[in-house]
């Protein structure tokens, strides 16, 4: 269960959406960021707060503009895509 809410939960969800779009597993993203998969998992589950530096590492590793991770949540297959 997520222990965080609001913007952090939305960010974690959008990161997961972008991972799915790219066919990435948590291990793939963690490797691209140079962190342990368990650390990434803690960020995504809200057990650890993400610094701005980490936020930018996520965006770079996903190949998206940081602002794309702050957009309203869009899931693959949504008509807004």
C-alpha atoms as a PDB file:
ATOM      1  CA  UNK A   1       0.000   0.000   0.000  1.00  0.00           C
ATOM      2  CA  UNK A   2       1.271   3.485  -0.806  1.00  0.00           C
ATOM      3  CA  UNK A   3       2.165   5.450   2.289  1.00  0.00           C
ATOM      4  CA  UNK A   4       2.190   8.734   0.411  1.00  0.00           C
ATOM      5  CA  UNK A   5      -0.499  10.666  -1.315  1.00  0.00           C
ATOM      6  CA  UNK A   6      -1.161  13.586  -3.551  1.00  0.00           C
ATOM      7  CA  UNK A   7       1.630  14.768  -5.800  1.00  0.00           C
ATOM      8  CA  UNK A   8       4.109  12.070  -4.745  1.00  0.00           C
ATOM      9  CA  UNK A   9       1.624   9.297  -5.476  1.00  0.00           C
ATOM     10  CA  UNK A  10       0.800  10.890  -8.835  1.00  0.00           C
ATOM     11  CA  UNK A  11       4.507  11.134  -9.666  1.00  0.00           C
ATOM     12  CA  UNK A  12       5.089   7.474  -8.778  1.00  0.00           C
ATOM     13  CA  UNK A  13       2.126   6.474 -10.940  1.00  0.00           C
ATOM     14  CA  UNK A  14       3.343   8.546 -13.886  1.00  0.00           C
ATOM     15  CA  UNK A  15       6.813   6.988 -13.590  1.00  0.00           C
ATOM     16  CA  UNK A  16       5.206   3.537 -13.717  1.00  0.00           C
ATOM     17  CA  UNK A  17       3.162   4.572 -16.771  1.00  0.00           C
ATOM     18  CA  UNK A  18       6.298   5.750 -18.565  1.00  0.00           C
ATOM     19  CA  UNK A  19       8.059   2.505 -17.637  1.00  0.00           C
ATOM     20  CA  UNK A  20       5.209   0.485 -19.167  1.00  0.00           C
ATOM     21  CA  UNK A  21       5.303   2.604 -22.332  1.00  0.00           C
ATOM     22  CA  UNK A  22       8.976   1.747 -22.718  1.00  0.00           C
ATOM     23  CA  UNK A  23       8.694  -1.891 -21.691  1.00  0.00           C
ATOM     24  CA  UNK A  24      10.961  -1.237 -18.724  1.00  0.00           C
ATOM     25  CA  UNK A  25      11.104  -3.198 -15.512  1.00  0.00           C
ATOM     26  CA  UNK A  26      12.081  -1.602 -12.218  1.00  0.00           C
ATOM     27  CA  UNK A  27      15.519  -3.197 -12.603  1.00  0.00           C
ATOM     28  CA  UNK A  28      15.936  -1.587 -16.035  1.00  0.00           C
ATOM     29  CA  UNK A  29      15.111   1.884 -14.708  1.00  0.00           C
ATOM     30  CA  UNK A  30      17.245   1.416 -11.602  1.00  0.00           C
ATOM     31  CA  UNK A  31      20.198   0.324 -13.747  1.00  0.00           C
ATOM     32  CA  UNK A  32      19.756   3.339 -16.026  1.00  0.00           C
ATOM     33  CA  UNK A  33      19.709   5.605 -12.962  1.00  0.00           C
ATOM     34  CA  UNK A  34      22.676   3.920 -11.291  1.00  0.00           C
ATOM     35  CA  UNK A  35      20.728   2.939  -8.172  1.00  0.00           C
ATOM     36  CA  UNK A  36      19.607  -0.323  -6.595  1.00  0.00           C
ATOM     37  CA  UNK A  37      16.222  -1.724  -7.633  1.00  0.00           C
ATOM     38  CA  UNK A  38      15.185  -1.827  -3.963  1.00  0.00           C
ATOM     39  CA  UNK A  39      15.857   1.913  -3.674  1.00  0.00           C
ATOM     40  CA  UNK A  40      13.709   2.627  -6.726  1.00  0.00           C
ATOM     41  CA  UNK A  41      10.986   0.448  -5.272  1.00  0.00           C
ATOM     42  CA  UNK A  42      11.058   2.444  -2.037  1.00  0.00           C
ATOM     43  CA  UNK A  43      10.608   5.664  -4.039  1.00  0.00           C
ATOM     44  CA  UNK A  44       7.715   4.235  -6.027  1.00  0.00           C
ATOM     45  CA  UNK A  45       5.994   2.849  -2.947  1.00  0.00           C
ATOM     46  CA  UNK A  46       6.383   6.085  -1.011  1.00  0.00           C
ATOM     47  CA  UNK A  47       8.664   4.633   1.630  1.00  0.00           C
ATOM     48  CA  UNK A  48      11.359   7.126   0.691  1.00  0.00           C
ATOM     49  CA  UNK A  49      11.068  10.701  -0.583  1.00  0.00           C
ATOM     50  CA  UNK A  50      12.641  11.493  -3.930  1.00  0.00           C
ATOM     51  CA  UNK A  51      15.120  14.372  -4.097  1.00  0.00           C
ATOM     52  CA  UNK A  52      15.107  16.764  -7.028  1.00  0.00           C
ATOM     53  CA  UNK A  53      18.365  15.210  -8.228  1.00  0.00           C
ATOM     54  CA  UNK A  54      16.733  11.774  -8.250  1.00  0.00           C
ATOM     55  CA  UNK A  55      13.654  13.173  -9.986  1.00  0.00           C
ATOM     56  CA  UNK A  56      15.865  14.477 -12.808  1.00  0.00           C
ATOM     57  CA  UNK A  57      17.725  11.134 -12.984  1.00  0.00           C
ATOM     58  CA  UNK A  58      14.362   9.399 -13.459  1.00  0.00           C
ATOM     59  CA  UNK A  59      13.424  11.748 -16.289  1.00  0.00           C
ATOM     60  CA  UNK A  60      16.785  11.283 -18.031  1.00  0.00           C
ATOM     61  CA  UNK A  61      16.653   7.487 -17.622  1.00  0.00           C
ATOM     62  CA  UNK A  62      13.133   7.414 -19.088  1.00  0.00           C
ATOM     63  CA  UNK A  63      14.078   9.804 -21.885  1.00  0.00           C
ATOM     64  CA  UNK A  64      11.335  12.286 -21.038  1.00  0.00           C
ATOM     65  CA  UNK A  65      11.262  15.926 -20.073  1.00  0.00           C
ATOM     66  CA  UNK A  66      10.874  16.321 -16.312  1.00  0.00           C
ATOM     67  CA  UNK A  67       7.624  18.187 -16.949  1.00  0.00           C
ATOM     68  CA  UNK A  68       6.196  15.041 -18.579  1.00  0.00           C
ATOM     69  CA  UNK A  69       6.345  13.319 -15.205  1.00  0.00           C
ATOM     70  CA  UNK A  70       4.296  16.120 -13.664  1.00  0.00           C
ATOM     71  CA  UNK A  71       1.523  16.056 -16.246  1.00  0.00           C
ATOM     72  CA  UNK A  72      -1.873  14.681 -15.273  1.00  0.00           C
ATOM     73  CA  UNK A  73      -1.663  10.918 -15.222  1.00  0.00           C
ATOM     74  CA  UNK A  74      -2.033   9.383 -18.658  1.00  0.00           C
ATOM     75  CA  UNK A  75      -2.136   5.644 -19.057  1.00  0.00           C
ATOM     76  CA  UNK A  76      -1.323   3.715 -22.209  1.00  0.00           C
ATOM     77  CA  UNK A  77      -4.460   3.464 -24.302  1.00  0.00           C
ATOM     78  CA  UNK A  78      -6.053   6.643 -22.925  1.00  0.00           C
ATOM     79  CA  UNK A  79      -7.661   8.703 -25.668  1.00  0.00           C
ATOM     80  CA  UNK A  80      -5.664  11.752 -24.504  1.00  0.00           C
ATOM     81  CA  UNK A  81      -2.436  10.195 -25.875  1.00  0.00           C
END
